[in-house]
Amino acid sequence: MQNIHHWNAWLIVTIATGHGMAAIFHQVILKDEVLGRMLLRGDQGANSLFIQKP
């Protein structure tokens, strides 16, 4: 059980690191404003795909 816990902990660290590196890649290299679209800033920051139109 301890061995499984050990490797799962490293798996989580690896996935979190990769996720952070992908966010930095999008922000710095691609400059596609993905992080800005993910932030909730009221109506002006809402993603148009998820807004229900009347």
PDB file of N, CA and C in Angstrom:
ATOM      1  N   MET A   1       0.821  -1.196   0.000  1.00  0.00           N
ATOM      2  CA  MET A   1       0.000   0.000   0.000  1.00  0.00           C
ATOM      3  C   MET A   1       0.873   1.271   0.000  1.00  0.00           C
ATOM      4  N   GLN A   2       1.956   1.232   0.742  1.00  0.00           N
ATOM      5  CA  GLN A   2       2.845   2.391   0.793  1.00  0.00           C
ATOM      6  C   GLN A   2       3.475   2.653  -0.574  1.00  0.00           C
ATOM      7  N   ASN A   3       3.786   1.599  -1.295  1.00  0.00           N
ATOM      8  CA  ASN A   3       4.385   1.736  -2.619  1.00  0.00           C
ATOM      9  C   ASN A   3       3.394   2.407  -3.590  1.00  0.00           C
ATOM     10  N   ILE A   4       2.135   2.005  -3.546  1.00  0.00           N
ATOM     11  CA  ILE A   4       1.109   2.612  -4.389  1.00  0.00           C
ATOM     12  C   ILE A   4       0.950   4.090  -4.044  1.00  0.00           C
ATOM     13  N   HIS A   5       0.930   4.399  -2.765  1.00  0.00           N
ATOM     14  CA  HIS A   5       0.803   5.791  -2.308  1.00  0.00           C
ATOM     15  C   HIS A   5       1.973   6.631  -2.814  1.00  0.00           C
ATOM     16  N   HIS A   6       3.156   6.086  -2.735  1.00  0.00           N
ATOM     17  CA  HIS A   6       4.361   6.783  -3.180  1.00  0.00           C
ATOM     18  C   HIS A   6       4.267   7.130  -4.672  1.00  0.00           C
ATOM     19  N   TRP A   7       3.922   6.155  -5.510  1.00  0.00           N
ATOM     20  CA  TRP A   7       3.885   6.393  -6.953  1.00  0.00           C
ATOM     21  C   TRP A   7       2.705   7.270  -7.351  1.00  0.00           C
ATOM     22  N   ASN A   8       1.589   7.163  -6.654  1.00  0.00           N
ATOM     23  CA  ASN A   8       0.468   8.063  -6.931  1.00  0.00           C
ATOM     24  C   ASN A   8       0.812   9.506  -6.587  1.00  0.00           C
ATOM     25  N   ALA A   9       1.565   9.704  -5.507  1.00  0.00           N
ATOM     26  CA  ALA A   9       1.988  11.054  -5.138  1.00  0.00           C
ATOM     27  C   ALA A   9       2.858  11.655  -6.244  1.00  0.00           C
ATOM     28  N   TRP A  10       3.794  10.874  -6.764  1.00  0.00           N
ATOM     29  CA  TRP A  10       4.643  11.373  -7.838  1.00  0.00           C
ATOM     30  C   TRP A  10       3.852  11.602  -9.127  1.00  0.00           C
ATOM     31  N   LEU A  11       2.843  10.792  -9.366  1.00  0.00           N
ATOM     32  CA  LEU A  11       1.990  10.982 -10.532  1.00  0.00           C
ATOM     33  C   LEU A  11       1.249  12.314 -10.441  1.00  0.00           C
ATOM     34  N   ILE A  12       0.723  12.619  -9.273  1.00  0.00           N
ATOM     35  CA  ILE A  12       0.015  13.884  -9.073  1.00  0.00           C
ATOM     36  C   ILE A  12       0.960  15.062  -9.255  1.00  0.00           C
ATOM     37  N   VAL A  13       2.159  14.978  -8.715  1.00  0.00           N
ATOM     38  CA  VAL A  13       3.152  16.051  -8.871  1.00  0.00           C
ATOM     39  C   VAL A  13       3.499  16.241 -10.345  1.00  0.00           C
ATOM     40  N   THR A  14       3.660  15.148 -11.068  1.00  0.00           N
ATOM     41  CA  THR A  14       4.008  15.220 -12.489  1.00  0.00           C
ATOM     42  C   THR A  14       2.885  15.846 -13.303  1.00  0.00           C
ATOM     43  N   ILE A  15       1.652  15.439 -13.046  1.00  0.00           N
ATOM     44  CA  ILE A  15       0.514  15.991 -13.772  1.00  0.00           C
ATOM     45  C   ILE A  15       0.349  17.481 -13.462  1.00  0.00           C
ATOM     46  N   ALA A  16       0.488  17.863 -12.198  1.00  0.00           N
ATOM     47  CA  ALA A  16       0.361  19.272 -11.820  1.00  0.00           C
ATOM     48  C   ALA A  16       1.458  20.113 -12.466  1.00  0.00           C
ATOM     49  N   THR A  17       2.670  19.594 -12.513  1.00  0.00           N
ATOM     50  CA  THR A  17       3.777  20.309 -13.147  1.00  0.00           C
ATOM     51  C   THR A  17       3.523  20.480 -14.640  1.00  0.00           C
ATOM     52  N   GLY A  18       3.074  19.420 -15.296  1.00  0.00           N
ATOM     53  CA  GLY A  18       2.760  19.500 -16.723  1.00  0.00           C
ATOM     54  C   GLY A  18       1.644  20.489 -17.005  1.00  0.00           C
ATOM     55  N   HIS A  19       0.655  20.514 -16.135  1.00  0.00           N
ATOM     56  CA  HIS A  19      -0.459  21.446 -16.294  1.00  0.00           C
ATOM     57  C   HIS A  19       0.017  22.894 -16.155  1.00  0.00           C
ATOM     58  N   GLY A  20       0.866  23.141 -15.183  1.00  0.00           N
ATOM     59  CA  GLY A  20       1.431  24.474 -14.997  1.00  0.00           C
ATOM     60  C   GLY A  20       2.293  24.895 -16.168  1.00  0.00           C
ATOM     61  N   MET A  21       3.088  23.966 -16.680  1.00  0.00           N
ATOM     62  CA  MET A  21       3.944  24.275 -17.830  1.00  0.00           C
ATOM     63  C   MET A  21       3.105  24.558 -19.076  1.00  0.00           C
ATOM     64  N   ALA A  22       1.988  23.844 -19.241  1.00  0.00           N
ATOM     65  CA  ALA A  22       1.107  24.097 -20.380  1.00  0.00           C
ATOM     66  C   ALA A  22       0.483  25.487 -20.272  1.00  0.00           C
ATOM     67  N   ALA A  23       0.107  25.892 -19.053  1.00  0.00           N
ATOM     68  CA  ALA A  23      -0.462  27.225 -18.853  1.00  0.00           C
ATOM     69  C   ALA A  23       0.560  28.302 -19.195  1.00  0.00           C
ATOM     70  N   ILE A  24       1.795  28.118 -18.755  1.00  0.00           N
ATOM     71  CA  ILE A  24       2.856  29.077 -19.072  1.00  0.00           C
ATOM     72  C   ILE A  24       3.118  29.108 -20.570  1.00  0.00           C
ATOM     73  N   PHE A  25       3.116  27.957 -21.220  1.00  0.00           N
ATOM     74  CA  PHE A  25       3.321  27.870 -22.666  1.00  0.00           C
ATOM     75  C   PHE A  25       2.248  28.670 -23.407  1.00  0.00           C
ATOM     76  N   HIS A  26       0.984  28.502 -23.006  1.00  0.00           N
ATOM     77  CA  HIS A  26      -0.092  29.241 -23.649  1.00  0.00           C
ATOM     78  C   HIS A  26       0.043  30.738 -23.420  1.00  0.00           C
ATOM     79  N   GLN A  27       0.436  31.133 -22.212  1.00  0.00           N
ATOM     80  CA  GLN A  27       0.523  32.555 -21.873  1.00  0.00           C
ATOM     81  C   GLN A  27       1.713  33.229 -22.538  1.00  0.00           C
ATOM     82  N   VAL A  28       2.873  32.574 -22.529  1.00  0.00           N
ATOM     83  CA  VAL A  28       4.115  33.212 -22.977  1.00  0.00           C
ATOM     84  C   VAL A  28       4.413  32.952 -24.456  1.00  0.00           C
ATOM     85  N   ILE A  29       4.269  31.720 -24.893  1.00  0.00           N
ATOM     86  CA  ILE A  29       4.662  31.371 -26.260  1.00  0.00           C
ATOM     87  C   ILE A  29       3.529  31.627 -27.255  1.00  0.00           C
ATOM     88  N   LEU A  30       2.355  31.032 -27.004  1.00  0.00           N
ATOM     89  CA  LEU A  30       1.247  31.153 -27.955  1.00  0.00           C
ATOM     90  C   LEU A  30       0.511  32.479 -27.853  1.00  0.00           C
ATOM     91  N   LYS A  31       0.504  33.080 -26.665  1.00  0.00           N
ATOM     92  CA  LYS A  31      -0.180  34.345 -26.408  1.00  0.00           C
ATOM     93  C   LYS A  31      -1.616  34.314 -26.932  1.00  0.00           C
ATOM     94  N   ASP A  32      -2.325  33.222 -26.610  1.00  0.00           N
ATOM     95  CA  ASP A  32      -3.690  33.057 -27.102  1.00  0.00           C
ATOM     96  C   ASP A  32      -4.746  33.404 -26.055  1.00  0.00           C
ATOM     97  N   GLU A  33      -4.344  34.016 -24.951  1.00  0.00           N
ATOM     98  CA  GLU A  33      -5.232  34.511 -23.903  1.00  0.00           C
ATOM     99  C   GLU A  33      -6.139  33.437 -23.303  1.00  0.00           C
ATOM    100  N   VAL A  34      -5.654  32.199 -23.252  1.00  0.00           N
ATOM    101  CA  VAL A  34      -6.434  31.113 -22.658  1.00  0.00           C
ATOM    102  C   VAL A  34      -6.660  31.385 -21.176  1.00  0.00           C
ATOM    103  N   LEU A  35      -5.651  31.846 -20.468  1.00  0.00           N
ATOM    104  CA  LEU A  35      -5.805  32.094 -19.036  1.00  0.00           C
ATOM    105  C   LEU A  35      -6.818  33.197 -18.775  1.00  0.00           C
ATOM    106  N   GLY A  36      -6.833  34.209 -19.604  1.00  0.00           N
ATOM    107  CA  GLY A  36      -7.806  35.288 -19.455  1.00  0.00           C
ATOM    108  C   GLY A  36      -9.226  34.805 -19.683  1.00  0.00           C
ATOM    109  N   ARG A  37      -9.407  33.881 -20.623  1.00  0.00           N
ATOM    110  CA  ARG A  37     -10.744  33.348 -20.877  1.00  0.00           C
ATOM    111  C   ARG A  37     -11.206  32.429 -19.760  1.00  0.00           C
ATOM    112  N   MET A  38     -10.284  31.839 -19.021  1.00  0.00           N
ATOM    113  CA  MET A  38     -10.664  30.939 -17.934  1.00  0.00           C
ATOM    114  C   MET A  38     -11.056  31.690 -16.669  1.00  0.00           C
ATOM    115  N   LEU A  39     -10.608  32.951 -16.522  1.00  0.00           N
ATOM    116  CA  LEU A  39     -10.944  33.726 -15.332  1.00  0.00           C
ATOM    117  C   LEU A  39     -12.385  34.192 -15.386  1.00  0.00           C
ATOM    118  N   LEU A  40     -13.057  34.120 -14.253  1.00  0.00           N
ATOM    119  CA  LEU A  40     -14.434  34.606 -14.184  1.00  0.00           C
ATOM    120  C   LEU A  40     -14.406  36.076 -13.798  1.00  0.00           C
ATOM    121  N   ARG A  41     -14.837  36.923 -14.699  1.00  0.00           N
ATOM    122  CA  ARG A  41     -14.823  38.367 -14.460  1.00  0.00           C
ATOM    123  C   ARG A  41     -16.193  38.969 -14.711  1.00  0.00           C
ATOM    124  N   GLY A  42     -17.223  38.299 -14.298  1.00  0.00           N
ATOM    125  CA  GLY A  42     -18.562  38.809 -14.561  1.00  0.00           C
ATOM    126  C   GLY A  42     -18.958  38.525 -15.995  1.00  0.00           C
ATOM    127  N   ASP A  43     -19.848  39.335 -16.542  1.00  0.00           N
ATOM    128  CA  ASP A  43     -20.357  39.106 -17.895  1.00  0.00           C
ATOM    129  C   ASP A  43     -19.318  39.354 -18.978  1.00  0.00           C
ATOM    130  N   GLN A  44     -18.448  40.352 -18.786  1.00  0.00           N
ATOM    131  CA  GLN A  44     -17.493  40.684 -19.837  1.00  0.00           C
ATOM    132  C   GLN A  44     -16.438  39.602 -20.025  1.00  0.00           C
ATOM    133  N   GLY A  45     -16.198  38.775 -18.988  1.00  0.00           N
ATOM    134  CA  GLY A  45     -15.193  37.718 -19.118  1.00  0.00           C
ATOM    135  C   GLY A  45     -15.783  36.355 -19.387  1.00  0.00           C
ATOM    136  N   ALA A  46     -17.090  36.276 -19.477  1.00  0.00           N
ATOM    137  CA  ALA A  46     -17.736  34.984 -19.677  1.00  0.00           C
ATOM    138  C   ALA A  46     -17.468  34.472 -21.080  1.00  0.00           C
ATOM    139  N   ASN A  47     -17.340  33.185 -21.179  1.00  0.00           N
ATOM    140  CA  ASN A  47     -17.116  32.554 -22.458  1.00  0.00           C
ATOM    141  C   ASN A  47     -18.418  32.558 -23.244  1.00  0.00           C
ATOM    142  N   SER A  48     -18.404  33.034 -24.471  1.00  0.00           N
ATOM    143  CA  SER A  48     -19.618  33.146 -25.267  1.00  0.00           C
ATOM    144  C   SER A  48     -20.238  31.796 -25.595  1.00  0.00           C
ATOM    145  N   LEU A  49     -19.480  30.722 -25.493  1.00  0.00           N
ATOM    146  CA  LEU A  49     -20.030  29.401 -25.769  1.00  0.00           C
ATOM    147  C   LEU A  49     -21.010  28.967 -24.670  1.00  0.00           C
ATOM    148  N   PHE A  50     -20.863  29.506 -23.473  1.00  0.00           N
ATOM    149  CA  PHE A  50     -21.673  29.069 -22.340  1.00  0.00           C
ATOM    150  C   PHE A  50     -22.754  30.068 -21.965  1.00  0.00           C
ATOM    151  N   ILE A  51     -22.902  31.135 -22.714  1.00  0.00           N
ATOM    152  CA  ILE A  51     -23.930  32.135 -22.426  1.00  0.00           C
ATOM    153  C   ILE A  51     -25.200  31.746 -23.170  1.00  0.00           C
ATOM    154  N   GLN A  52     -26.302  31.662 -22.436  1.00  0.00           N
ATOM    155  CA  GLN A  52     -27.581  31.352 -23.073  1.00  0.00           C
ATOM    156  C   GLN A  52     -28.150  32.633 -23.669  1.00  0.00           C
ATOM    157  N   LYS A  53     -28.481  32.565 -24.933  1.00  0.00           N
ATOM    158  CA  LYS A  53     -29.031  33.735 -25.617  1.00  0.00           C
ATOM    159  C   LYS A  53     -30.562  33.638 -25.614  1.00  0.00           C
ATOM    160  N   PRO A  54     -31.219  34.784 -25.438  1.00  0.00           N
ATOM    161  CA  PRO A  54     -32.697  34.757 -25.379  1.00  0.00           C
ATOM    162  C   PRO A  54     -33.328  34.429 -26.711  1.00  0.00           C
TER     163      PRO A  54
END
